[in-house]
Amino acid sequence: MKQSLRMLALGFLISAVLLLVFDTFFSSSAQAEKSAEPKTTTSTKADDSKNYQKKYEDLLASQELAKSQAAEAQKAVAAKKKAEEEKAKQVKKFTLVIKKGDPSSKAGNELQFAGIIKSGAEFDKFLRTNNYEKYVRDGSYPVDSNMTSDQIAKIITHKN
């Protein structure tokens, strides 16, 4: 009995293998799939290569765009910097008016506001440390942005 069951199982196994081989190689639907596969594979490969080519071209275009934008930004920064340098090179002229009883700090603040000096507080400190503060006189004084703090101090104290 055991022997006959083994033979029956072996028969089922052999028939299953034969059906699988027949279905894979000799079936009409399998042959249709095989003949259709290369066409779809070829078109799929062509589509993939077109997609990759388009992606590559898009990538190159975006990189070129980024480079040109960076170059334009650098040019804009350079132009702005050059304009600021030109503006700084321009000599600003101002008439400083000191009224009777005005503190020396007011003169420094007016000069700073006019763009003649960078800091009114530093100019006032300069006047105090060099004993110019006591000698500031009232009047109108023409000054410009090329003058040093010492030159301006000598003009407004009449010590030139």
C-alpha atoms as a PDB file:
ATOM      1  CA  MET A   1       0.000   0.000   0.000  1.00  0.00           C
ATOM      2  CA  LYS A   2       2.791   2.373   0.847  1.00  0.00           C
ATOM      3  CA  GLN A   3       4.497   1.549  -2.402  1.00  0.00           C
ATOM      4  CA  SER A   4       1.426   2.271  -4.479  1.00  0.00           C
ATOM      5  CA  LEU A   5       0.858   5.638  -2.750  1.00  0.00           C
ATOM      6  CA  ARG A   6       4.434   6.622  -3.558  1.00  0.00           C
ATOM      7  CA  MET A   7       3.938   5.702  -7.204  1.00  0.00           C
ATOM      8  CA  LEU A   8       0.715   7.719  -7.313  1.00  0.00           C
ATOM      9  CA  ALA A   9       2.486  10.774  -5.842  1.00  0.00           C
ATOM     10  CA  LEU A  10       5.350  10.348  -8.331  1.00  0.00           C
ATOM     11  CA  GLY A  11       2.847  10.231 -11.173  1.00  0.00           C
ATOM     12  CA  PHE A  12       1.191  13.443 -10.006  1.00  0.00           C
ATOM     13  CA  LEU A  13       4.578  15.142  -9.775  1.00  0.00           C
ATOM     14  CA  ILE A  14       5.653  14.076 -13.260  1.00  0.00           C
ATOM     15  CA  SER A  15       2.331  15.136 -14.772  1.00  0.00           C
ATOM     16  CA  ALA A  16       2.542  18.534 -13.052  1.00  0.00           C
ATOM     17  CA  VAL A  17       6.042  19.107 -14.447  1.00  0.00           C
ATOM     18  CA  LEU A  18       4.943  18.069 -17.951  1.00  0.00           C
ATOM     19  CA  LEU A  19       1.927  20.427 -17.813  1.00  0.00           C
ATOM     20  CA  LEU A  20       4.142  23.278 -16.671  1.00  0.00           C
ATOM     21  CA  VAL A  21       6.629  22.675 -19.508  1.00  0.00           C
ATOM     22  CA  PHE A  22       3.868  22.367 -22.092  1.00  0.00           C
ATOM     23  CA  ASP A  23       2.085  25.492 -20.864  1.00  0.00           C
ATOM     24  CA  THR A  24       5.295  27.529 -20.819  1.00  0.00           C
ATOM     25  CA  PHE A  25       6.696  26.561 -24.226  1.00  0.00           C
ATOM     26  CA  PHE A  26       3.845  25.238 -26.358  1.00  0.00           C
ATOM     27  CA  SER A  27       0.775  27.142 -25.288  1.00  0.00           C
ATOM     28  CA  SER A  28      -0.619  29.666 -27.796  1.00  0.00           C
ATOM     29  CA  SER A  29      -1.140  32.317 -25.101  1.00  0.00           C
ATOM     30  CA  ALA A  30       2.478  31.901 -23.982  1.00  0.00           C
ATOM     31  CA  GLN A  31       3.690  32.304 -27.562  1.00  0.00           C
ATOM     32  CA  ALA A  32       1.546  35.429 -27.947  1.00  0.00           C
ATOM     33  CA  GLU A  33       3.036  36.900 -24.783  1.00  0.00           C
ATOM     34  CA  LYS A  34       6.565  36.107 -25.936  1.00  0.00           C
ATOM     35  CA  SER A  35       6.040  37.692 -29.312  1.00  0.00           C
ATOM     36  CA  ALA A  36       4.428  40.762 -27.718  1.00  0.00           C
ATOM     37  CA  GLU A  37       7.039  41.166 -24.962  1.00  0.00           C
ATOM     38  CA  PRO A  38       9.960  42.325 -27.107  1.00  0.00           C
ATOM     39  CA  LYS A  39       7.851  45.031 -28.693  1.00  0.00           C
ATOM     40  CA  THR A  40       6.691  46.426 -25.358  1.00  0.00           C
ATOM     41  CA  THR A  41      10.142  46.021 -23.857  1.00  0.00           C
ATOM     42  CA  THR A  42      11.706  47.871 -26.743  1.00  0.00           C
ATOM     43  CA  SER A  43       9.150  50.658 -26.586  1.00  0.00           C
ATOM     44  CA  THR A  44       9.504  50.798 -22.816  1.00  0.00           C
ATOM     45  CA  LYS A  45      13.266  51.061 -23.175  1.00  0.00           C
ATOM     46  CA  ALA A  46      12.871  53.785 -25.763  1.00  0.00           C
ATOM     47  CA  ASP A  47      10.424  55.632 -23.513  1.00  0.00           C
ATOM     48  CA  ASP A  48      12.823  55.261 -20.567  1.00  0.00           C
ATOM     49  CA  SER A  49      15.745  56.588 -22.581  1.00  0.00           C
ATOM     50  CA  LYS A  50      13.627  59.538 -23.752  1.00  0.00           C
ATOM     51  CA  ASN A  51      12.578  60.217 -20.158  1.00  0.00           C
ATOM     52  CA  TYR A  52      16.172  60.058 -18.953  1.00  0.00           C
ATOM     53  CA  GLN A  53      17.305  62.288 -21.795  1.00  0.00           C
ATOM     54  CA  LYS A  54      14.593  64.832 -20.979  1.00  0.00           C
ATOM     55  CA  LYS A  55      15.449  64.708 -17.283  1.00  0.00           C
ATOM     56  CA  TYR A  56      19.139  65.217 -18.124  1.00  0.00           C
ATOM     57  CA  GLU A  57      18.358  68.167 -20.384  1.00  0.00           C
ATOM     58  CA  ASP A  58      16.129  69.687 -17.705  1.00  0.00           C
ATOM     59  CA  LEU A  59      18.885  69.239 -15.140  1.00  0.00           C
ATOM     60  CA  LEU A  60      21.429  70.915 -17.404  1.00  0.00           C
ATOM     61  CA  ALA A  61      19.025  73.767 -18.114  1.00  0.00           C
ATOM     62  CA  SER A  62      18.351  74.331 -14.414  1.00  0.00           C
ATOM     63  CA  GLN A  63      22.087  74.311 -13.643  1.00  0.00           C
ATOM     64  CA  GLU A  64      22.762  76.851 -16.393  1.00  0.00           C
ATOM     65  CA  LEU A  65      19.913  79.008 -15.110  1.00  0.00           C
ATOM     66  CA  ALA A  66      21.299  78.852 -11.572  1.00  0.00           C
ATOM     67  CA  LYS A  67      24.769  79.816 -12.828  1.00  0.00           C
ATOM     68  CA  SER A  68      23.434  82.772 -14.789  1.00  0.00           C
ATOM     69  CA  GLN A  69      21.346  83.946 -11.830  1.00  0.00           C
ATOM     70  CA  ALA A  70      24.377  83.709  -9.548  1.00  0.00           C
ATOM     71  CA  ALA A  71      26.464  85.683 -12.043  1.00  0.00           C
ATOM     72  CA  GLU A  72      23.757  88.351 -12.299  1.00  0.00           C
ATOM     73  CA  ALA A  73      23.536  88.560  -8.511  1.00  0.00           C
ATOM     74  CA  GLN A  74      27.312  89.024  -8.266  1.00  0.00           C
ATOM     75  CA  LYS A  75      27.194  91.732 -10.921  1.00  0.00           C
ATOM     76  CA  ALA A  76      24.404  93.495  -9.041  1.00  0.00           C
ATOM     77  CA  VAL A  77      26.355  93.348  -5.772  1.00  0.00           C
ATOM     78  CA  ALA A  78      29.480  94.662  -7.506  1.00  0.00           C
ATOM     79  CA  ALA A  79      27.507  97.488  -9.119  1.00  0.00           C
ATOM     80  CA  LYS A  80      25.920  98.413  -5.796  1.00  0.00           C
ATOM     81  CA  LYS A  81      29.293  98.380  -4.074  1.00  0.00           C
ATOM     82  CA  LYS A  82      30.789 100.535  -6.817  1.00  0.00           C
ATOM     83  CA  ALA A  83      27.900 103.000  -6.535  1.00  0.00           C
ATOM     84  CA  GLU A  84      28.423 103.217  -2.770  1.00  0.00           C
ATOM     85  CA  GLU A  85      32.137 103.851  -3.290  1.00  0.00           C
ATOM     86  CA  GLU A  86      31.364 106.575  -5.817  1.00  0.00           C
ATOM     87  CA  LYS A  87      28.897 108.109  -3.395  1.00  0.00           C
ATOM     88  CA  ALA A  88      31.483 107.966  -0.611  1.00  0.00           C
ATOM     89  CA  LYS A  89      34.039 109.645  -2.875  1.00  0.00           C
ATOM     90  CA  GLN A  90      31.749 112.610  -3.449  1.00  0.00           C
ATOM     91  CA  VAL A  91      32.681 115.503  -1.246  1.00  0.00           C
ATOM     92  CA  LYS A  92      29.778 116.723   0.820  1.00  0.00           C
ATOM     93  CA  LYS A  93      29.768 120.406   1.683  1.00  0.00           C
ATOM     94  CA  PHE A  94      27.895 121.822   4.632  1.00  0.00           C
ATOM     95  CA  THR A  95      27.636 125.107   6.452  1.00  0.00           C
ATOM     96  CA  LEU A  96      27.718 124.500  10.182  1.00  0.00           C
ATOM     97  CA  VAL A  97      25.802 127.135  12.132  1.00  0.00           C
ATOM     98  CA  ILE A  98      26.564 127.371  15.838  1.00  0.00           C
ATOM     99  CA  LYS A  99      24.367 129.711  17.855  1.00  0.00           C
ATOM    100  CA  LYS A 100      25.378 131.436  21.045  1.00  0.00           C
ATOM    101  CA  GLY A 101      25.046 129.061  23.991  1.00  0.00           C
ATOM    102  CA  ASP A 102      24.885 125.850  21.898  1.00  0.00           C
ATOM    103  CA  PRO A 103      26.851 122.951  23.375  1.00  0.00           C
ATOM    104  CA  SER A 104      29.645 121.379  21.345  1.00  0.00           C
ATOM    105  CA  SER A 105      27.665 118.139  21.157  1.00  0.00           C
ATOM    106  CA  LYS A 106      25.062 119.907  19.011  1.00  0.00           C
ATOM    107  CA  ALA A 107      27.737 120.737  16.437  1.00  0.00           C
ATOM    108  CA  GLY A 108      28.801 117.085  16.368  1.00  0.00           C
ATOM    109  CA  ASN A 109      25.210 115.918  15.922  1.00  0.00           C
ATOM    110  CA  GLU A 110      24.598 118.361  13.055  1.00  0.00           C
ATOM    111  CA  LEU A 111      27.803 117.267  11.334  1.00  0.00           C
ATOM    112  CA  GLN A 112      26.790 113.635  11.689  1.00  0.00           C
ATOM    113  CA  PHE A 113      23.297 114.332  10.359  1.00  0.00           C
ATOM    114  CA  ALA A 114      24.779 116.135   7.339  1.00  0.00           C
ATOM    115  CA  GLY A 115      27.071 113.164   6.622  1.00  0.00           C
ATOM    116  CA  ILE A 116      30.289 115.080   7.206  1.00  0.00           C
ATOM    117  CA  ILE A 117      31.476 112.849  10.072  1.00  0.00           C
ATOM    118  CA  LYS A 118      30.553 109.317  11.087  1.00  0.00           C
ATOM    119  CA  SER A 119      29.771 109.883  14.753  1.00  0.00           C
ATOM    120  CA  GLY A 120      28.775 113.052  16.575  1.00  0.00           C
ATOM    121  CA  ALA A 121      29.600 111.478  19.921  1.00  0.00           C
ATOM    122  CA  GLU A 122      33.140 110.679  18.823  1.00  0.00           C
ATOM    123  CA  PHE A 123      33.592 114.234  17.543  1.00  0.00           C
ATOM    124  CA  ASP A 124      32.366 115.633  20.872  1.00  0.00           C
ATOM    125  CA  LYS A 125      34.762 113.296  22.713  1.00  0.00           C
ATOM    126  CA  PHE A 126      37.573 114.496  20.427  1.00  0.00           C
ATOM    127  CA  LEU A 127      36.761 118.135  21.303  1.00  0.00           C
ATOM    128  CA  ARG A 128      36.805 117.365  25.047  1.00  0.00           C
ATOM    129  CA  THR A 129      40.037 115.341  25.018  1.00  0.00           C
ATOM    130  CA  ASN A 130      41.925 117.967  22.981  1.00  0.00           C
ATOM    131  CA  ASN A 131      40.568 120.966  24.960  1.00  0.00           C
ATOM    132  CA  TYR A 132      38.669 122.423  22.008  1.00  0.00           C
ATOM    133  CA  GLU A 133      35.305 122.228  23.769  1.00  0.00           C
ATOM    134  CA  LYS A 134      35.736 125.457  25.735  1.00  0.00           C
ATOM    135  CA  TYR A 135      36.756 127.464  22.674  1.00  0.00           C
ATOM    136  CA  VAL A 136      33.878 126.670  20.275  1.00  0.00           C
ATOM    137  CA  ARG A 137      32.525 129.989  18.949  1.00  0.00           C
ATOM    138  CA  ASP A 138      29.192 130.876  17.483  1.00  0.00           C
ATOM    139  CA  GLY A 139      28.962 131.571  13.766  1.00  0.00           C
ATOM    140  CA  SER A 140      28.676 129.941  10.339  1.00  0.00           C
ATOM    141  CA  TYR A 141      31.474 127.635   9.214  1.00  0.00           C
ATOM    142  CA  PRO A 142      31.840 125.979   5.803  1.00  0.00           C
ATOM    143  CA  VAL A 143      32.976 122.360   6.212  1.00  0.00           C
ATOM    144  CA  ASP A 144      33.181 119.344   3.924  1.00  0.00           C
ATOM    145  CA  SER A 145      33.462 115.573   4.259  1.00  0.00           C
ATOM    146  CA  ASN A 146      37.181 115.517   3.350  1.00  0.00           C
ATOM    147  CA  MET A 147      38.129 117.406   6.512  1.00  0.00           C
ATOM    148  CA  THR A 148      39.480 115.643   9.572  1.00  0.00           C
ATOM    149  CA  SER A 149      38.045 116.162  13.048  1.00  0.00           C
ATOM    150  CA  ASP A 150      41.093 118.239  13.940  1.00  0.00           C
ATOM    151  CA  GLN A 151      40.617 120.538  10.941  1.00  0.00           C
ATOM    152  CA  ILE A 152      36.927 121.061  11.748  1.00  0.00           C
ATOM    153  CA  ALA A 153      37.763 121.700  15.415  1.00  0.00           C
ATOM    154  CA  LYS A 154      40.353 124.321  14.493  1.00  0.00           C
ATOM    155  CA  ILE A 155      37.852 126.069  12.196  1.00  0.00           C
ATOM    156  CA  ILE A 156      35.040 126.274  14.758  1.00  0.00           C
ATOM    157  CA  THR A 157      37.410 127.390  17.539  1.00  0.00           C
ATOM    158  CA  HIS A 158      39.244 129.939  15.356  1.00  0.00           C
ATOM    159  CA  LYS A 159      42.606 128.274  16.089  1.00  0.00           C
ATOM    160  CA  ASN A 160      43.808 127.926  12.506  1.00  0.00           C
END
